[in-house]
Amino acid sequence: DSAKTLSVVPACFKNPLSVDKIEMFTREELH
């Protein structure tokens, strides 16, 4: 298990989306 731990934080965690950049999708679009 220790070999599977992250040694580098992925970029998506360093620069999370701000609320104004989140798009609203309908249920059908998500499917």
PDB file of all heavy atoms in Angstrom:
ATOM      1  N   ASP A   1       0.821  -1.206   0.000  1.00  0.00           N
ATOM      2  CA  ASP A   1       0.000   0.000   0.000  1.00  0.00           C
ATOM      3  C   ASP A   1       0.855   1.257   0.000  1.00  0.00           C
ATOM      4  O   ASP A   1       0.511   2.244  -0.617  1.00  0.00           O
ATOM      5  CB  ASP A   1      -0.938   0.029   1.207  1.00  0.00           C
ATOM      6  CG  ASP A   1      -2.047  -0.987   1.101  1.00  0.00           C
ATOM      7  OD1 ASP A   1      -2.290  -1.471  -0.028  1.00  0.00           O
ATOM      8  OD2 ASP A   1      -2.658  -1.301   2.126  1.00  0.00           O
ATOM      9  N   SER A   2       1.975   1.229   0.707  1.00  0.00           N
ATOM     10  CA  SER A   2       2.798   2.435   0.792  1.00  0.00           C
ATOM     11  C   SER A   2       3.396   2.790  -0.565  1.00  0.00           C
ATOM     12  O   SER A   2       3.671   3.944  -0.835  1.00  0.00           O
ATOM     13  CB  SER A   2       3.896   2.271   1.838  1.00  0.00           C
ATOM     14  OG  SER A   2       4.780   1.229   1.473  1.00  0.00           O
ATOM     15  N   ALA A   3       3.586   1.804  -1.434  1.00  0.00           N
ATOM     16  CA  ALA A   3       4.113   2.079  -2.773  1.00  0.00           C
ATOM     17  C   ALA A   3       3.075   2.800  -3.627  1.00  0.00           C
ATOM     18  O   ALA A   3       3.420   3.464  -4.589  1.00  0.00           O
ATOM     19  CB  ALA A   3       4.544   0.788  -3.447  1.00  0.00           C
ATOM     20  N   LYS A   4       1.797   2.684  -3.266  1.00  0.00           N
ATOM     21  CA  LYS A   4       0.723   3.292  -4.044  1.00  0.00           C
ATOM     22  C   LYS A   4       0.399   4.709  -3.608  1.00  0.00           C
ATOM     23  O   LYS A   4      -0.405   5.369  -4.217  1.00  0.00           O
ATOM     24  CB  LYS A   4      -0.543   2.438  -3.934  1.00  0.00           C
ATOM     25  CG  LYS A   4      -0.413   1.060  -4.540  1.00  0.00           C
ATOM     26  CD  LYS A   4      -1.680   0.272  -4.332  1.00  0.00           C
ATOM     27  CE  LYS A   4      -1.515  -1.154  -4.794  1.00  0.00           C
ATOM     28  NZ  LYS A   4      -2.700  -1.953  -4.507  1.00  0.00           N
ATOM     29  N   THR A   5       0.994   5.184  -2.530  1.00  0.00           N
ATOM     30  CA  THR A   5       0.677   6.531  -2.057  1.00  0.00           C
ATOM     31  C   THR A   5       1.230   7.574  -3.028  1.00  0.00           C
ATOM     32  O   THR A   5       2.231   7.345  -3.699  1.00  0.00           O
ATOM     33  CB  THR A   5       1.235   6.791  -0.644  1.00  0.00           C
ATOM     34  OG1 THR A   5       2.642   6.600  -0.672  1.00  0.00           O
ATOM     35  CG2 THR A   5       0.600   5.872   0.373  1.00  0.00           C
ATOM     36  N   LEU A   6       0.577   8.715  -3.066  1.00  0.00           N
ATOM     37  CA  LEU A   6       1.000   9.787  -3.966  1.00  0.00           C
ATOM     38  C   LEU A   6       2.251  10.473  -3.433  1.00  0.00           C
ATOM     39  O   LEU A   6       2.318  10.817  -2.262  1.00  0.00           O
ATOM     40  CB  LEU A   6      -0.105  10.822  -4.111  1.00  0.00           C
ATOM     41  CG  LEU A   6      -1.382  10.375  -4.801  1.00  0.00           C
ATOM     42  CD1 LEU A   6      -2.419  11.482  -4.738  1.00  0.00           C
ATOM     43  CD2 LEU A   6      -1.116   9.997  -6.238  1.00  0.00           C
ATOM     44  N   SER A   7       3.201  10.675  -4.293  1.00  0.00           N
ATOM     45  CA  SER A   7       4.386  11.421  -3.885  1.00  0.00           C
ATOM     46  C   SER A   7       4.297  12.868  -4.385  1.00  0.00           C
ATOM     47  O   SER A   7       5.004  13.734  -3.908  1.00  0.00           O
ATOM     48  CB  SER A   7       5.653  10.756  -4.420  1.00  0.00           C
ATOM     49  OG  SER A   7       5.591  10.661  -5.821  1.00  0.00           O
ATOM     50  N   VAL A   8       3.403  13.096  -5.348  1.00  0.00           N
ATOM     51  CA  VAL A   8       3.210  14.437  -5.895  1.00  0.00           C
ATOM     52  C   VAL A   8       1.714  14.728  -5.896  1.00  0.00           C
ATOM     53  O   VAL A   8       0.912  13.882  -6.275  1.00  0.00           O
ATOM     54  CB  VAL A   8       3.756  14.518  -7.346  1.00  0.00           C
ATOM     55  CG1 VAL A   8       3.482  15.869  -7.944  1.00  0.00           C
ATOM     56  CG2 VAL A   8       5.230  14.201  -7.373  1.00  0.00           C
ATOM     57  N   VAL A   9       1.335  15.896  -5.472  1.00  0.00           N
ATOM     58  CA  VAL A   9      -0.075  16.276  -5.457  1.00  0.00           C
ATOM     59  C   VAL A   9      -0.505  16.602  -6.884  1.00  0.00           C
ATOM     60  O   VAL A   9       0.138  17.406  -7.562  1.00  0.00           O
ATOM     61  CB  VAL A   9      -0.298  17.508  -4.548  1.00  0.00           C
ATOM     62  CG1 VAL A   9      -1.744  17.954  -4.586  1.00  0.00           C
ATOM     63  CG2 VAL A   9       0.139  17.196  -3.133  1.00  0.00           C
ATOM     64  N   PRO A  10      -1.588  15.959  -7.382  1.00  0.00           N
ATOM     65  CA  PRO A  10      -2.060  16.250  -8.736  1.00  0.00           C
ATOM     66  C   PRO A  10      -2.433  17.726  -8.895  1.00  0.00           C
ATOM     67  O   PRO A  10      -2.902  18.370  -7.957  1.00  0.00           O
ATOM     68  CB  PRO A  10      -3.302  15.366  -8.877  1.00  0.00           C
ATOM     69  CG  PRO A  10      -3.143  14.301  -7.849  1.00  0.00           C
ATOM     70  CD  PRO A  10      -2.372  14.929  -6.724  1.00  0.00           C
ATOM     71  N   ALA A  11      -2.245  18.251 -10.075  1.00  0.00           N
ATOM     72  CA  ALA A  11      -2.501  19.669 -10.365  1.00  0.00           C
ATOM     73  C   ALA A  11      -3.949  20.060 -10.082  1.00  0.00           C
ATOM     74  O   ALA A  11      -4.216  21.183  -9.658  1.00  0.00           O
ATOM     75  CB  ALA A  11      -2.154  19.980 -11.815  1.00  0.00           C
ATOM     76  N   CYS A  12      -4.893  19.130 -10.282  1.00  0.00           N
ATOM     77  CA  CYS A  12      -6.305  19.466 -10.051  1.00  0.00           C
ATOM     78  C   CYS A  12      -6.571  19.796  -8.585  1.00  0.00           C
ATOM     79  O   CYS A  12      -7.512  20.505  -8.267  1.00  0.00           O
ATOM     80  CB  CYS A  12      -7.218  18.355 -10.535  1.00  0.00           C
ATOM     81  SG  CYS A  12      -6.995  16.791  -9.681  1.00  0.00           S
ATOM     82  N   PHE A  13      -5.735  19.317  -7.667  1.00  0.00           N
ATOM     83  CA  PHE A  13      -5.896  19.657  -6.260  1.00  0.00           C
ATOM     84  C   PHE A  13      -5.216  20.977  -5.915  1.00  0.00           C
ATOM     85  O   PHE A  13      -5.594  21.648  -4.974  1.00  0.00           O
ATOM     86  CB  PHE A  13      -5.341  18.555  -5.355  1.00  0.00           C
ATOM     87  CG  PHE A  13      -6.190  17.317  -5.349  1.00  0.00           C
ATOM     88  CD1 PHE A  13      -5.804  16.200  -6.053  1.00  0.00           C
ATOM     89  CD2 PHE A  13      -7.385  17.289  -4.653  1.00  0.00           C
ATOM     90  CE1 PHE A  13      -6.584  15.061  -6.047  1.00  0.00           C
ATOM     91  CE2 PHE A  13      -8.171  16.156  -4.643  1.00  0.00           C
ATOM     92  CZ  PHE A  13      -7.779  15.041  -5.351  1.00  0.00           C
ATOM     93  N   LYS A  14      -4.198  21.333  -6.686  1.00  0.00           N
ATOM     94  CA  LYS A  14      -3.497  22.591  -6.437  1.00  0.00           C
ATOM     95  C   LYS A  14      -4.292  23.783  -6.937  1.00  0.00           C
ATOM     96  O   LYS A  14      -4.230  24.866  -6.371  1.00  0.00           O
ATOM     97  CB  LYS A  14      -2.129  22.582  -7.117  1.00  0.00           C
ATOM     98  CG  LYS A  14      -1.173  21.595  -6.505  1.00  0.00           C
ATOM     99  CD  LYS A  14       0.140  21.613  -7.238  1.00  0.00           C
ATOM    100  CE  LYS A  14       1.091  20.577  -6.691  1.00  0.00           C
ATOM    101  NZ  LYS A  14       2.319  20.516  -7.471  1.00  0.00           N
ATOM    102  N   ASN A  15      -5.031  23.592  -8.026  1.00  0.00           N
ATOM    103  CA  ASN A  15      -5.825  24.667  -8.625  1.00  0.00           C
ATOM    104  C   ASN A  15      -7.273  24.203  -8.789  1.00  0.00           C
ATOM    105  O   ASN A  15      -7.717  23.943  -9.894  1.00  0.00           O
ATOM    106  CB  ASN A  15      -5.252  25.050  -9.995  1.00  0.00           C
ATOM    107  CG  ASN A  15      -3.838  25.535  -9.909  1.00  0.00           C
ATOM    108  OD1 ASN A  15      -3.517  26.339  -9.057  1.00  0.00           O
ATOM    109  ND2 ASN A  15      -2.976  25.016 -10.764  1.00  0.00           N
ATOM    110  N   PRO A  16      -8.011  24.098  -7.692  1.00  0.00           N
ATOM    111  CA  PRO A  16      -9.391  23.629  -7.818  1.00  0.00           C
ATOM    112  C   PRO A  16     -10.256  24.650  -8.553  1.00  0.00           C
ATOM    113  O   PRO A  16      -9.930  25.826  -8.615  1.00  0.00           O
ATOM    114  CB  PRO A  16      -9.848  23.478  -6.358  1.00  0.00           C
ATOM    115  CG  PRO A  16      -8.947  24.360  -5.589  1.00  0.00           C
ATOM    116  CD  PRO A  16      -7.642  24.409  -6.337  1.00  0.00           C
ATOM    117  N   LEU A  17     -11.339  24.162  -9.121  1.00  0.00           N
ATOM    118  CA  LEU A  17     -12.271  25.042  -9.835  1.00  0.00           C
ATOM    119  C   LEU A  17     -12.942  25.996  -8.869  1.00  0.00           C
ATOM    120  O   LEU A  17     -13.282  25.633  -7.753  1.00  0.00           O
ATOM    121  CB  LEU A  17     -13.365  24.211 -10.510  1.00  0.00           C
ATOM    122  CG  LEU A  17     -12.949  23.344 -11.678  1.00  0.00           C
ATOM    123  CD1 LEU A  17     -14.130  22.487 -12.115  1.00  0.00           C
ATOM    124  CD2 LEU A  17     -12.464  24.194 -12.825  1.00  0.00           C
ATOM    125  N   SER A  18     -13.127  27.209  -9.299  1.00  0.00           N
ATOM    126  CA  SER A  18     -13.899  28.133  -8.476  1.00  0.00           C
ATOM    127  C   SER A  18     -15.373  27.954  -8.824  1.00  0.00           C
ATOM    128  O   SER A  18     -15.712  27.444  -9.889  1.00  0.00           O
ATOM    129  CB  SER A  18     -13.454  29.575  -8.727  1.00  0.00           C
ATOM    130  OG  SER A  18     -13.692  29.928 -10.059  1.00  0.00           O
ATOM    131  N   VAL A  19     -16.234  28.370  -7.948  1.00  0.00           N
ATOM    132  CA  VAL A  19     -17.672  28.150  -8.125  1.00  0.00           C
ATOM    133  C   VAL A  19     -18.189  28.771  -9.408  1.00  0.00           C
ATOM    134  O   VAL A  19     -19.032  28.191 -10.082  1.00  0.00           O
ATOM    135  CB  VAL A  19     -18.444  28.707  -6.906  1.00  0.00           C
ATOM    136  CG1 VAL A  19     -19.935  28.584  -7.100  1.00  0.00           C
ATOM    137  CG2 VAL A  19     -18.018  27.993  -5.644  1.00  0.00           C
ATOM    138  N   ASP A  20     -17.666  29.910  -9.804  1.00  0.00           N
ATOM    139  CA  ASP A  20     -18.169  30.564 -11.011  1.00  0.00           C
ATOM    140  C   ASP A  20     -17.783  29.820 -12.291  1.00  0.00           C
ATOM    141  O   ASP A  20     -18.348  30.076 -13.342  1.00  0.00           O
ATOM    142  CB  ASP A  20     -17.709  32.015 -11.082  1.00  0.00           C
ATOM    143  CG  ASP A  20     -16.199  32.163 -11.093  1.00  0.00           C
ATOM    144  OD1 ASP A  20     -15.511  31.291 -10.530  1.00  0.00           O
ATOM    145  OD2 ASP A  20     -15.703  33.150 -11.656  1.00  0.00           O
ATOM    146  N   LYS A  21     -16.851  28.869 -12.230  1.00  0.00           N
ATOM    147  CA  LYS A  21     -16.447  28.121 -13.420  1.00  0.00           C
ATOM    148  C   LYS A  21     -17.186  26.792 -13.550  1.00  0.00           C
ATOM    149  O   LYS A  21     -17.011  26.088 -14.515  1.00  0.00           O
ATOM    150  CB  LYS A  21     -14.946  27.850 -13.377  1.00  0.00           C
ATOM    151  CG  LYS A  21     -14.113  29.101 -13.525  1.00  0.00           C
ATOM    152  CD  LYS A  21     -12.646  28.760 -13.553  1.00  0.00           C
ATOM    153  CE  LYS A  21     -11.824  30.025 -13.679  1.00  0.00           C
ATOM    154  NZ  LYS A  21     -10.392  29.760 -13.651  1.00  0.00           N
ATOM    155  N   ILE A  22     -17.993  26.443 -12.565  1.00  0.00           N
ATOM    156  CA  ILE A  22     -18.722  25.181 -12.605  1.00  0.00           C
ATOM    157  C   ILE A  22     -19.983  25.364 -13.437  1.00  0.00           C
ATOM    158  O   ILE A  22     -20.761  26.294 -13.212  1.00  0.00           O
ATOM    159  CB  ILE A  22     -19.076  24.705 -11.188  1.00  0.00           C
ATOM    160  CG1 ILE A  22     -17.799  24.444 -10.398  1.00  0.00           C
ATOM    161  CG2 ILE A  22     -19.954  23.460 -11.244  1.00  0.00           C
ATOM    162  CD1 ILE A  22     -18.030  24.090  -8.955  1.00  0.00           C
ATOM    163  N   GLU A  23     -20.163  24.496 -14.405  1.00  0.00           N
ATOM    164  CA  GLU A  23     -21.339  24.568 -15.264  1.00  0.00           C
ATOM    165  C   GLU A  23     -22.438  23.680 -14.700  1.00  0.00           C
ATOM    166  O   GLU A  23     -22.171  22.640 -14.116  1.00  0.00           O
ATOM    167  CB  GLU A  23     -21.001  24.062 -16.674  1.00  0.00           C
ATOM    168  CG  GLU A  23     -20.001  24.921 -17.408  1.00  0.00           C
ATOM    169  CD  GLU A  23     -19.711  24.365 -18.793  1.00  0.00           C
ATOM    170  OE1 GLU A  23     -20.633  23.828 -19.429  1.00  0.00           O
ATOM    171  OE2 GLU A  23     -18.558  24.457 -19.212  1.00  0.00           O
ATOM    172  N   MET A  24     -23.660  24.084 -14.905  1.00  0.00           N
ATOM    173  CA  MET A  24     -24.788  23.263 -14.503  1.00  0.00           C
ATOM    174  C   MET A  24     -25.164  22.357 -15.669  1.00  0.00           C
ATOM    175  O   MET A  24     -25.257  22.798 -16.810  1.00  0.00           O
ATOM    176  CB  MET A  24     -25.984  24.148 -14.132  1.00  0.00           C
ATOM    177  CG  MET A  24     -25.725  25.034 -12.930  1.00  0.00           C
ATOM    178  SD  MET A  24     -25.379  24.100 -11.432  1.00  0.00           S
ATOM    179  CE  MET A  24     -26.962  23.379 -11.106  1.00  0.00           C
ATOM    180  N   PHE A  25     -25.328  21.084 -15.397  1.00  0.00           N
ATOM    181  CA  PHE A  25     -25.700  20.117 -16.414  1.00  0.00           C
ATOM    182  C   PHE A  25     -27.025  19.492 -16.048  1.00  0.00           C
ATOM    183  O   PHE A  25     -27.349  19.313 -14.874  1.00  0.00           O
ATOM    184  CB  PHE A  25     -24.659  18.994 -16.507  1.00  0.00           C
ATOM    185  CG  PHE A  25     -23.306  19.455 -16.964  1.00  0.00           C
ATOM    186  CD1 PHE A  25     -22.264  19.592 -16.055  1.00  0.00           C
ATOM    187  CD2 PHE A  25     -23.056  19.749 -18.289  1.00  0.00           C
ATOM    188  CE1 PHE A  25     -21.018  20.008 -16.463  1.00  0.00           C
ATOM    189  CE2 PHE A  25     -21.814  20.170 -18.710  1.00  0.00           C
ATOM    190  CZ  PHE A  25     -20.789  20.298 -17.787  1.00  0.00           C
ATOM    191  N   THR A  26     -27.781  19.135 -17.080  1.00  0.00           N
ATOM    192  CA  THR A  26     -29.012  18.395 -16.822  1.00  0.00           C
ATOM    193  C   THR A  26     -28.635  16.933 -16.619  1.00  0.00           C
ATOM    194  O   THR A  26     -27.534  16.499 -16.957  1.00  0.00           O
ATOM    195  CB  THR A  26     -29.982  18.491 -18.016  1.00  0.00           C
ATOM    196  OG1 THR A  26     -29.392  17.845 -19.136  1.00  0.00           O
ATOM    197  CG2 THR A  26     -30.318  19.943 -18.342  1.00  0.00           C
ATOM    198  N   ARG A  27     -29.559  16.186 -16.084  1.00  0.00           N
ATOM    199  CA  ARG A  27     -29.316  14.749 -15.852  1.00  0.00           C
ATOM    200  C   ARG A  27     -28.986  14.045 -17.167  1.00  0.00           C
ATOM    201  O   ARG A  27     -28.100  13.187 -17.218  1.00  0.00           O
ATOM    202  CB  ARG A  27     -30.545  14.166 -15.179  1.00  0.00           C
ATOM    203  CG  ARG A  27     -30.406  12.751 -14.792  1.00  0.00           C
ATOM    204  CD  ARG A  27     -31.678  12.242 -14.114  1.00  0.00           C
ATOM    205  NE  ARG A  27     -31.300  11.190 -13.221  1.00  0.00           N
ATOM    206  CZ  ARG A  27     -31.442  11.232 -11.917  1.00  0.00           C
ATOM    207  NH1 ARG A  27     -31.986  12.260 -11.344  1.00  0.00           N
ATOM    208  NH2 ARG A  27     -31.053  10.236 -11.173  1.00  0.00           N
ATOM    209  N   GLU A  28     -29.663  14.404 -18.247  1.00  0.00           N
ATOM    210  CA  GLU A  28     -29.438  13.772 -19.549  1.00  0.00           C
ATOM    211  C   GLU A  28     -28.023  14.077 -20.074  1.00  0.00           C
ATOM    212  O   GLU A  28     -27.358  13.223 -20.629  1.00  0.00           O
ATOM    213  CB  GLU A  28     -30.485  14.246 -20.576  1.00  0.00           C
ATOM    214  CG  GLU A  28     -31.902  13.751 -20.294  1.00  0.00           C
ATOM    215  CD  GLU A  28     -32.588  14.505 -19.162  1.00  0.00           C
ATOM    216  OE1 GLU A  28     -32.232  15.664 -18.897  1.00  0.00           O
ATOM    217  OE2 GLU A  28     -33.472  13.902 -18.521  1.00  0.00           O
ATOM    218  N   GLU A  29     -27.582  15.325 -19.898  1.00  0.00           N
ATOM    219  CA  GLU A  29     -26.240  15.702 -20.336  1.00  0.00           C
ATOM    220  C   GLU A  29     -25.172  14.919 -19.568  1.00  0.00           C
ATOM    221  O   GLU A  29     -24.169  14.501 -20.138  1.00  0.00           O
ATOM    222  CB  GLU A  29     -26.002  17.196 -20.130  1.00  0.00           C
ATOM    223  CG  GLU A  29     -26.758  18.074 -21.101  1.00  0.00           C
ATOM    224  CD  GLU A  29     -26.554  19.540 -20.790  1.00  0.00           C
ATOM    225  OE1 GLU A  29     -26.713  19.930 -19.604  1.00  0.00           O
ATOM    226  OE2 GLU A  29     -26.244  20.300 -21.724  1.00  0.00           O
ATOM    227  N   LEU A  30     -25.393  14.727 -18.291  1.00  0.00           N
ATOM    228  CA  LEU A  30     -24.423  13.958 -17.514  1.00  0.00           C
ATOM    229  C   LEU A  30     -24.349  12.521 -17.972  1.00  0.00           C
ATOM    230  O   LEU A  30     -23.293  11.905 -17.981  1.00  0.00           O
ATOM    231  CB  LEU A  30     -24.785  14.021 -16.020  1.00  0.00           C
ATOM    232  CG  LEU A  30     -24.540  15.370 -15.349  1.00  0.00           C
ATOM    233  CD1 LEU A  30     -25.077  15.351 -13.930  1.00  0.00           C
ATOM    234  CD2 LEU A  30     -23.077  15.712 -15.349  1.00  0.00           C
ATOM    235  N   HIS A  31     -25.480  11.946 -18.360  1.00  0.00           N
ATOM    236  CA  HIS A  31     -25.504  10.571 -18.859  1.00  0.00           C
ATOM    237  C   HIS A  31     -24.723  10.450 -20.173  1.00  0.00           C
ATOM    238  O   HIS A  31     -24.110   9.443 -20.443  1.00  0.00           O
ATOM    239  CB  HIS A  31     -26.928  10.082 -19.059  1.00  0.00           C
ATOM    240  CG  HIS A  31     -27.448   9.303 -17.913  1.00  0.00           C
ATOM    241  ND1 HIS A  31     -26.772   8.252 -17.366  1.00  0.00           N
ATOM    242  CD2 HIS A  31     -28.588   9.448 -17.179  1.00  0.00           C
ATOM    243  CE1 HIS A  31     -27.477   7.747 -16.359  1.00  0.00           C
ATOM    244  NE2 HIS A  31     -28.565   8.477 -16.223  1.00  0.00           N
TER     245      HIS A  31
END
